[in-house]
Every structure is written in C-alpha cells, then in structure tokens.
Amino acid sequence: MFEQALLFAIALIANTFSSLAGGGAGLIQLPALLLLGLPFSIALATHKSPQSLWGWVR
C-alpha cells in the first residue's frame, strides 16, 4: 500500500513538472520505478506505455 501511494505521489509530481516544462517526466519517474525495485524492462514499459497511448490518441 505504501509503495502504491509513493508511486502516485511521484507520478503526480513528475507529471506536474512535465506539464509546466513541456516534457521530462521520465527524469523523475523512471529512476523512481527502478528505486522501488522494478526490473529495467518493466519500469521502462510502465513509463512508455501511457506516452505511446497518448501519441496514438492525438
């Protein structure tokens, strides 16, 4: 439960910075996912899947 709340807070902060700066959420999200113990391939897929979906919707 704590990890989920931490991931939510990190995603909220990273996406807030991303919306203000026009990108760069991966500089915060990807290292956070790795620090929480996810393997690199899963962390990268978790980070990239919403971006690819958003690009597809546009």
N, C-alpha and C. Protein backbone atom coordinates (compact mmCIF):
# COMPACT_ATOMS: atom_id res chain seq x y z
N MET A 1 0.82 -1.19 0.00
CA MET A 1 0.00 0.00 0.00
C MET A 1 0.86 1.25 0.00
N PHE A 2 1.97 1.20 0.79
CA PHE A 2 2.86 2.36 0.85
C PHE A 2 3.52 2.62 -0.49
N GLU A 3 3.93 1.53 -1.19
CA GLU A 3 4.57 1.70 -2.50
C GLU A 3 3.61 2.31 -3.50
N GLN A 4 2.34 1.93 -3.45
CA GLN A 4 1.36 2.49 -4.37
C GLN A 4 1.14 3.97 -4.11
N ALA A 5 1.07 4.36 -2.85
CA ALA A 5 0.91 5.77 -2.52
C ALA A 5 2.14 6.56 -2.92
N LEU A 6 3.32 5.97 -2.74
CA LEU A 6 4.55 6.63 -3.14
C LEU A 6 4.62 6.80 -4.66
N LEU A 7 4.23 5.77 -5.40
CA LEU A 7 4.20 5.87 -6.86
C LEU A 7 3.21 6.92 -7.33
N PHE A 8 2.07 7.00 -6.67
CA PHE A 8 1.07 8.01 -7.03
C PHE A 8 1.63 9.42 -6.81
N ALA A 9 2.27 9.63 -5.68
CA ALA A 9 2.84 10.95 -5.37
C ALA A 9 3.95 11.31 -6.36
N ILE A 10 4.81 10.35 -6.67
CA ILE A 10 5.89 10.61 -7.63
C ILE A 10 5.34 10.91 -9.01
N ALA A 11 4.34 10.15 -9.44
CA ALA A 11 3.73 10.40 -10.74
C ALA A 11 3.05 11.76 -10.79
N LEU A 12 2.40 12.14 -9.72
CA LEU A 12 1.75 13.44 -9.67
C LEU A 12 2.77 14.57 -9.78
N ILE A 13 3.84 14.46 -9.03
CA ILE A 13 4.89 15.49 -9.07
C ILE A 13 5.56 15.52 -10.45
N ALA A 14 5.91 14.36 -10.97
CA ALA A 14 6.60 14.29 -12.26
C ALA A 14 5.73 14.84 -13.39
N ASN A 15 4.46 14.50 -13.39
CA ASN A 15 3.59 14.98 -14.45
C ASN A 15 3.26 16.46 -14.30
N THR A 16 3.27 16.97 -13.09
CA THR A 16 3.11 18.41 -12.89
C THR A 16 4.29 19.16 -13.48
N PHE A 17 5.51 18.67 -13.17
CA PHE A 17 6.70 19.28 -13.77
C PHE A 17 6.68 19.14 -15.29
N SER A 18 6.24 18.00 -15.77
CA SER A 18 6.19 17.77 -17.21
C SER A 18 5.22 18.72 -17.90
N SER A 19 4.09 18.97 -17.28
CA SER A 19 3.12 19.87 -17.90
C SER A 19 3.62 21.32 -17.89
N LEU A 20 4.39 21.68 -16.88
CA LEU A 20 4.94 23.03 -16.82
C LEU A 20 6.12 23.21 -17.78
N ALA A 21 6.94 22.19 -17.91
CA ALA A 21 8.15 22.30 -18.72
C ALA A 21 7.97 21.77 -20.14
N GLY A 22 6.89 21.06 -20.40
CA GLY A 22 6.67 20.51 -21.73
C GLY A 22 7.35 19.17 -21.96
N GLY A 23 7.66 18.45 -20.93
CA GLY A 23 8.29 17.14 -21.05
C GLY A 23 9.26 16.89 -19.92
N GLY A 24 9.83 15.72 -19.92
CA GLY A 24 10.84 15.40 -18.94
C GLY A 24 10.37 14.64 -17.72
N ALA A 25 9.16 14.09 -17.76
CA ALA A 25 8.67 13.34 -16.60
C ALA A 25 9.50 12.07 -16.37
N GLY A 26 10.10 11.56 -17.43
CA GLY A 26 10.91 10.35 -17.30
C GLY A 26 12.14 10.55 -16.45
N LEU A 27 12.60 11.78 -16.33
CA LEU A 27 13.76 12.05 -15.48
C LEU A 27 13.44 11.81 -14.02
N ILE A 28 12.17 11.84 -13.67
CA ILE A 28 11.76 11.59 -12.29
C ILE A 28 11.14 10.20 -12.16
N GLN A 29 10.26 9.84 -13.09
CA GLN A 29 9.51 8.60 -12.96
C GLN A 29 10.36 7.34 -13.13
N LEU A 30 11.19 7.30 -14.15
CA LEU A 30 11.94 6.08 -14.42
C LEU A 30 12.91 5.75 -13.28
N PRO A 31 13.70 6.69 -12.77
CA PRO A 31 14.55 6.34 -11.61
C PRO A 31 13.74 5.94 -10.38
N ALA A 32 12.58 6.54 -10.19
CA ALA A 32 11.74 6.18 -9.04
C ALA A 32 11.25 4.74 -9.16
N LEU A 33 10.84 4.35 -10.35
CA LEU A 33 10.40 2.97 -10.55
C LEU A 33 11.55 1.99 -10.32
N LEU A 34 12.73 2.36 -10.77
CA LEU A 34 13.89 1.50 -10.56
C LEU A 34 14.27 1.41 -9.08
N LEU A 35 14.17 2.53 -8.37
CA LEU A 35 14.49 2.51 -6.94
C LEU A 35 13.50 1.69 -6.13
N LEU A 36 12.27 1.56 -6.64
CA LEU A 36 11.28 0.75 -5.94
C LEU A 36 11.43 -0.74 -6.25
N GLY A 37 12.41 -1.08 -7.09
CA GLY A 37 12.73 -2.49 -7.29
C GLY A 37 12.19 -3.11 -8.55
N LEU A 38 11.60 -2.36 -9.44
CA LEU A 38 11.13 -2.94 -10.69
C LEU A 38 12.32 -3.22 -11.60
N PRO A 39 12.27 -4.32 -12.34
CA PRO A 39 13.32 -4.56 -13.33
C PRO A 39 13.28 -3.47 -14.40
N PHE A 40 14.42 -3.23 -15.05
CA PHE A 40 14.52 -2.14 -16.00
C PHE A 40 13.49 -2.25 -17.12
N SER A 41 13.30 -3.44 -17.68
CA SER A 41 12.38 -3.59 -18.81
C SER A 41 10.94 -3.28 -18.40
N ILE A 42 10.53 -3.69 -17.22
CA ILE A 42 9.17 -3.41 -16.75
C ILE A 42 9.01 -1.94 -16.40
N ALA A 43 10.03 -1.34 -15.79
CA ALA A 43 9.96 0.08 -15.47
C ALA A 43 9.87 0.92 -16.73
N LEU A 44 10.65 0.57 -17.74
CA LEU A 44 10.61 1.32 -19.00
C LEU A 44 9.27 1.15 -19.69
N ALA A 45 8.73 -0.07 -19.70
CA ALA A 45 7.42 -0.30 -20.32
C ALA A 45 6.32 0.43 -19.56
N THR A 46 6.42 0.46 -18.24
CA THR A 46 5.43 1.16 -17.43
C THR A 46 5.47 2.65 -17.71
N HIS A 47 6.65 3.18 -17.93
CA HIS A 47 6.79 4.61 -18.20
C HIS A 47 6.37 4.95 -19.63
N LYS A 48 6.68 4.10 -20.60
CA LYS A 48 6.45 4.42 -22.01
C LYS A 48 5.04 4.11 -22.49
N SER A 49 4.33 3.18 -21.87
CA SER A 49 3.01 2.80 -22.40
C SER A 49 2.00 3.94 -22.37
N PRO A 50 1.90 4.77 -21.33
CA PRO A 50 0.95 5.90 -21.40
C PRO A 50 1.36 6.93 -22.45
N GLN A 51 2.67 7.11 -22.65
CA GLN A 51 3.12 8.07 -23.67
C GLN A 51 2.75 7.60 -25.06
N SER A 52 2.93 6.31 -25.32
CA SER A 52 2.61 5.81 -26.65
C SER A 52 1.10 5.81 -26.88
N LEU A 53 0.32 5.57 -25.86
CA LEU A 53 -1.13 5.62 -26.00
C LEU A 53 -1.59 7.05 -26.26
N TRP A 54 -0.99 8.02 -25.55
CA TRP A 54 -1.37 9.42 -25.75
C TRP A 54 -1.01 9.86 -27.15
N GLY A 55 0.13 9.41 -27.68
CA GLY A 55 0.51 9.76 -29.05
C GLY A 55 -0.43 9.14 -30.06
N TRP A 56 -0.97 7.97 -29.74
CA TRP A 56 -1.89 7.31 -30.65
C TRP A 56 -3.24 7.99 -30.67
N VAL A 57 -3.67 8.54 -29.54
CA VAL A 57 -4.99 9.17 -29.43
C VAL A 57 -5.02 10.51 -30.16
N ARG A 58 -3.92 11.22 -30.15
CA ARG A 58 -3.88 12.55 -30.79
C ARG A 58 -4.17 12.50 -32.22
